[in-house]
Amino acid sequence: MRSDEAVPLDESGTPVSAAVGEAFTDGTLELDASERAFTSYLQAEQEHGRIKTDADVESLALVLVGAAHQLLLTRGPHATDLRDRMHRTVTALITAVTPQV
């Protein structure tokens, strides 16, 4: 992630990746925890006008989580192109729901 990119935060202000990672580590991760965390983040972005008001953020969160799972399962966590593929996927999805200025 570039230094000028926002870090997704959950409703408590914790980075989404940290919240999901902590839940995974301590065994409290619910299967839909990452989806809920991304939904919360995307709703906040929507409230700030950075995502279109008519965007279905719950479905968008599901697609983001599904894409991450697919890439991790098919390429493994150490694949050299994993970060690039995920960045391109997120960029494509978010671009589609970002208001044009």
Foldseek 3Di string as FASTA:
>chain_A
DDPPDDFQAFPVRHRLVVVQVVCVVVVNHDPCSSLNRQLRSVVVCVVVQQFPVPDPSSVVSVVLVVVLVVCCVVQNPPRPCSVVVSVVVVCVSSVVGGDDD
